[in-house]
């Protein structure tokens, strides 16, 4: 199940399988489906993941 994360007034979405975080729910769902079906990560999907804890 995709998790919704609120951070600094923005909403992010986390893959329930591998825990990567995305800007859109659609990407998180796509990642989660891939992870579940293939028991692996898809590089084309995870390259769109974001870091939300990193300070700039």
Protein backbone atom coordinates (compact mmCIF):
# COMPACT_ATOMS: atom_id res chain seq x y z
CA UNK A 1 0.00 0.00 0.00
CA UNK A 2 1.36 3.42 -0.98
CA UNK A 3 2.01 5.63 2.04
CA UNK A 4 1.30 9.36 2.01
CA UNK A 5 3.91 11.55 3.72
CA UNK A 6 3.45 15.20 4.68
CA UNK A 7 6.71 17.13 4.92
CA UNK A 8 7.33 20.89 4.85
CA UNK A 9 3.81 21.55 3.59
CA UNK A 10 4.12 19.13 0.66
CA UNK A 11 2.72 15.67 0.03
CA UNK A 12 4.98 12.81 -1.01
CA UNK A 13 4.18 9.18 -1.74
CA UNK A 14 6.17 6.15 -0.62
CA UNK A 15 6.30 2.72 -2.21
CA UNK A 16 5.07 0.23 0.38
CA UNK A 17 7.53 -2.40 -0.83
CA UNK A 18 10.95 -0.74 -1.24
CA UNK A 19 10.20 2.54 0.61
CA UNK A 20 11.42 4.86 -2.19
CA UNK A 21 9.62 8.22 -2.16
CA UNK A 22 7.99 9.95 -5.14
CA UNK A 23 6.34 13.25 -5.97
CA UNK A 24 3.22 11.58 -7.39
CA UNK A 25 0.99 8.78 -6.20
CA UNK A 26 1.02 7.30 -9.71
CA UNK A 27 4.80 6.79 -9.64
CA UNK A 28 4.67 5.26 -6.17
CA UNK A 29 1.94 2.85 -7.30
CA UNK A 30 3.89 1.97 -10.44
CA UNK A 31 6.97 1.27 -8.30
CA UNK A 32 5.00 -0.77 -5.80
CA UNK A 33 3.39 -2.88 -8.53
CA UNK A 34 6.77 -3.56 -10.14
CA UNK A 35 8.38 -4.44 -6.80
CA UNK A 36 5.57 -6.81 -5.86
CA UNK A 37 5.41 -8.57 -9.24
CA UNK A 38 9.16 -8.84 -9.89
CA UNK A 39 10.67 -8.89 -6.38
CA UNK A 40 13.13 -6.23 -7.57
CA UNK A 41 13.37 -2.52 -8.36
CA UNK A 42 13.08 -0.99 -11.82
CA UNK A 43 15.85 1.54 -12.50
CA UNK A 44 13.64 3.56 -14.86
CA UNK A 45 11.15 4.06 -12.03
CA UNK A 46 13.47 4.59 -9.06
CA UNK A 47 15.56 7.19 -10.87
CA UNK A 48 12.51 9.43 -10.36
CA UNK A 49 12.56 8.94 -6.58
CA UNK A 50 13.27 11.94 -4.35
CA UNK A 51 15.00 12.49 -1.01
CA UNK A 52 12.91 14.46 1.46
CA UNK A 53 15.19 14.42 4.50
CA UNK A 54 18.19 15.99 2.81
CA UNK A 55 18.68 19.64 3.76
CA UNK A 56 19.71 22.04 0.99
